[in-house]
């Protein structure tokens, strides 16, 4: 599935949040989930908590920058708005 996507991972509830963008959400989520992506996920372990699909990569990158420029409280609110239980959403991608 190739579709521009913005996503947020965290290592635990209210833990470290990582925001990223990809053109292949299932592959990227798998890489983070299994610790194959160097950096954040291999250091902390993480689960997919929020994602948003976009029509174009330009739209996804713009949204990623908007989210990264926002406060932690806004990121937490985005996660809680669609995933109040902080469940791993990986299975919804595959």
C-alpha atoms as a PDB file:
ATOM      1  CA  UNK A   1       0.000   0.000   0.000  1.00  0.00           C
ATOM      2  CA  UNK A   2       1.661   3.209  -1.158  1.00  0.00           C
ATOM      3  CA  UNK A   3      -0.148   6.177   0.328  1.00  0.00           C
ATOM      4  CA  UNK A   4       1.326   9.353   1.867  1.00  0.00           C
ATOM      5  CA  UNK A   5       0.871   9.210   5.612  1.00  0.00           C
ATOM      6  CA  UNK A   6       1.809  11.150   8.741  1.00  0.00           C
ATOM      7  CA  UNK A   7       2.147   9.048  11.884  1.00  0.00           C
ATOM      8  CA  UNK A   8       3.003   9.173  15.567  1.00  0.00           C
ATOM      9  CA  UNK A   9       4.644   6.421  17.567  1.00  0.00           C
ATOM     10  CA  UNK A  10       5.323   6.348  21.297  1.00  0.00           C
ATOM     11  CA  UNK A  11       7.168   3.964  23.554  1.00  0.00           C
ATOM     12  CA  UNK A  12       4.400   4.031  26.205  1.00  0.00           C
ATOM     13  CA  UNK A  13       1.369   6.046  27.297  1.00  0.00           C
ATOM     14  CA  UNK A  14       2.448   9.680  27.616  1.00  0.00           C
ATOM     15  CA  UNK A  15       6.007   8.616  26.783  1.00  0.00           C
ATOM     16  CA  UNK A  16       8.369   9.799  24.083  1.00  0.00           C
ATOM     17  CA  UNK A  17       6.477  10.668  20.876  1.00  0.00           C
ATOM     18  CA  UNK A  18       7.971  10.324  17.401  1.00  0.00           C
ATOM     19  CA  UNK A  19       6.274  11.987  14.420  1.00  0.00           C
ATOM     20  CA  UNK A  20       7.153  10.995  10.868  1.00  0.00           C
ATOM     21  CA  UNK A  21       5.970  10.776   7.271  1.00  0.00           C
ATOM     22  CA  UNK A  22       6.072   7.903   4.783  1.00  0.00           C
ATOM     23  CA  UNK A  23       4.717   6.793   1.423  1.00  0.00           C
ATOM     24  CA  UNK A  24       4.328   3.194   2.633  1.00  0.00           C
ATOM     25  CA  UNK A  25       2.591   3.126   6.055  1.00  0.00           C
ATOM     26  CA  UNK A  26       2.540  -0.666   6.610  1.00  0.00           C
ATOM     27  CA  UNK A  27       6.247  -1.079   5.802  1.00  0.00           C
ATOM     28  CA  UNK A  28       7.289   1.901   7.923  1.00  0.00           C
ATOM     29  CA  UNK A  29       5.112   0.828  10.848  1.00  0.00           C
ATOM     30  CA  UNK A  30       6.658  -2.658  10.673  1.00  0.00           C
ATOM     31  CA  UNK A  31      10.175  -1.179  10.679  1.00  0.00           C
ATOM     32  CA  UNK A  32       9.421   0.925  13.767  1.00  0.00           C
ATOM     33  CA  UNK A  33       7.546  -1.860  15.521  1.00  0.00           C
ATOM     34  CA  UNK A  34      10.376  -4.355  15.045  1.00  0.00           C
ATOM     35  CA  UNK A  35      13.126  -1.850  15.880  1.00  0.00           C
ATOM     36  CA  UNK A  36      14.540  -2.016  12.348  1.00  0.00           C
ATOM     37  CA  UNK A  37      14.512   1.763  11.915  1.00  0.00           C
ATOM     38  CA  UNK A  38      17.712   3.116  13.451  1.00  0.00           C
ATOM     39  CA  UNK A  39      17.288   5.732  16.112  1.00  0.00           C
ATOM     40  CA  UNK A  40      14.059   6.226  18.023  1.00  0.00           C
ATOM     41  CA  UNK A  41      12.378   2.855  17.593  1.00  0.00           C
ATOM     42  CA  UNK A  42      15.481   0.752  18.096  1.00  0.00           C
ATOM     43  CA  UNK A  43      16.304   2.761  21.224  1.00  0.00           C
ATOM     44  CA  UNK A  44      12.847   2.985  22.805  1.00  0.00           C
ATOM     45  CA  UNK A  45      10.623   0.348  21.221  1.00  0.00           C
ATOM     46  CA  UNK A  46       7.318   1.780  20.144  1.00  0.00           C
ATOM     47  CA  UNK A  47       3.799   1.340  18.884  1.00  0.00           C
ATOM     48  CA  UNK A  48       1.747   3.154  16.278  1.00  0.00           C
ATOM     49  CA  UNK A  49      -0.735   5.392  18.086  1.00  0.00           C
ATOM     50  CA  UNK A  50      -1.982   7.784  15.414  1.00  0.00           C
ATOM     51  CA  UNK A  51      -1.846   8.171  11.649  1.00  0.00           C
ATOM     52  CA  UNK A  52      -3.433  10.277   8.954  1.00  0.00           C
ATOM     53  CA  UNK A  53      -3.504   9.415   5.239  1.00  0.00           C
ATOM     54  CA  UNK A  54      -3.080  12.156   2.616  1.00  0.00           C
ATOM     55  CA  UNK A  55      -3.680  12.531  -1.108  1.00  0.00           C
ATOM     56  CA  UNK A  56      -0.154  13.770  -1.856  1.00  0.00           C
ATOM     57  CA  UNK A  57       3.264  13.598  -0.229  1.00  0.00           C
ATOM     58  CA  UNK A  58       3.379  17.394  -0.218  1.00  0.00           C
ATOM     59  CA  UNK A  59       0.213  17.451   1.900  1.00  0.00           C
ATOM     60  CA  UNK A  60       1.656  14.834   4.250  1.00  0.00           C
ATOM     61  CA  UNK A  61       4.934  16.714   4.692  1.00  0.00           C
ATOM     62  CA  UNK A  62       3.073  19.974   5.352  1.00  0.00           C
ATOM     63  CA  UNK A  63       0.972  18.250   8.020  1.00  0.00           C
ATOM     64  CA  UNK A  64       4.043  16.602   9.563  1.00  0.00           C
ATOM     65  CA  UNK A  65       5.718  20.008   9.921  1.00  0.00           C
ATOM     66  CA  UNK A  66       2.548  21.430  11.460  1.00  0.00           C
ATOM     67  CA  UNK A  67       2.409  18.624  14.033  1.00  0.00           C
ATOM     68  CA  UNK A  68       6.130  18.779  14.823  1.00  0.00           C
ATOM     69  CA  UNK A  69       5.843  22.548  15.309  1.00  0.00           C
ATOM     70  CA  UNK A  70       2.974  22.129  17.754  1.00  0.00           C
ATOM     71  CA  UNK A  71       3.103  21.546  21.458  1.00  0.00           C
ATOM     72  CA  UNK A  72       3.287  18.195  23.172  1.00  0.00           C
ATOM     73  CA  UNK A  73      -0.230  18.833  24.487  1.00  0.00           C
ATOM     74  CA  UNK A  74      -1.521  19.124  20.899  1.00  0.00           C
ATOM     75  CA  UNK A  75       0.171  15.851  19.933  1.00  0.00           C
ATOM     76  CA  UNK A  76      -1.342  14.098  22.928  1.00  0.00           C
ATOM     77  CA  UNK A  77      -4.756  15.531  22.056  1.00  0.00           C
ATOM     78  CA  UNK A  78      -4.471  14.181  18.480  1.00  0.00           C
ATOM     79  CA  UNK A  79      -3.615  10.724  19.773  1.00  0.00           C
ATOM     80  CA  UNK A  80      -6.363  10.756  22.397  1.00  0.00           C
ATOM     81  CA  UNK A  81      -8.970  11.983  19.889  1.00  0.00           C
ATOM     82  CA  UNK A  82      -8.759   8.772  17.845  1.00  0.00           C
ATOM     83  CA  UNK A  83      -7.047   6.368  20.238  1.00  0.00           C
ATOM     84  CA  UNK A  84      -7.959   7.095  23.877  1.00  0.00           C
ATOM     85  CA  UNK A  85      -6.830   3.616  24.932  1.00  0.00           C
ATOM     86  CA  UNK A  86      -3.376   4.098  23.389  1.00  0.00           C
ATOM     87  CA  UNK A  87      -3.712   0.798  21.503  1.00  0.00           C
ATOM     88  CA  UNK A  88      -1.202  -0.186  18.819  1.00  0.00           C
ATOM     89  CA  UNK A  89      -2.865   0.643  15.474  1.00  0.00           C
ATOM     90  CA  UNK A  90      -0.440  -1.439  13.398  1.00  0.00           C
ATOM     91  CA  UNK A  91      -3.094  -4.065  12.596  1.00  0.00           C
ATOM     92  CA  UNK A  92      -5.356  -1.392  11.056  1.00  0.00           C
ATOM     93  CA  UNK A  93      -2.735  -0.777   8.360  1.00  0.00           C
ATOM     94  CA  UNK A  94      -2.286  -4.346   7.149  1.00  0.00           C
END
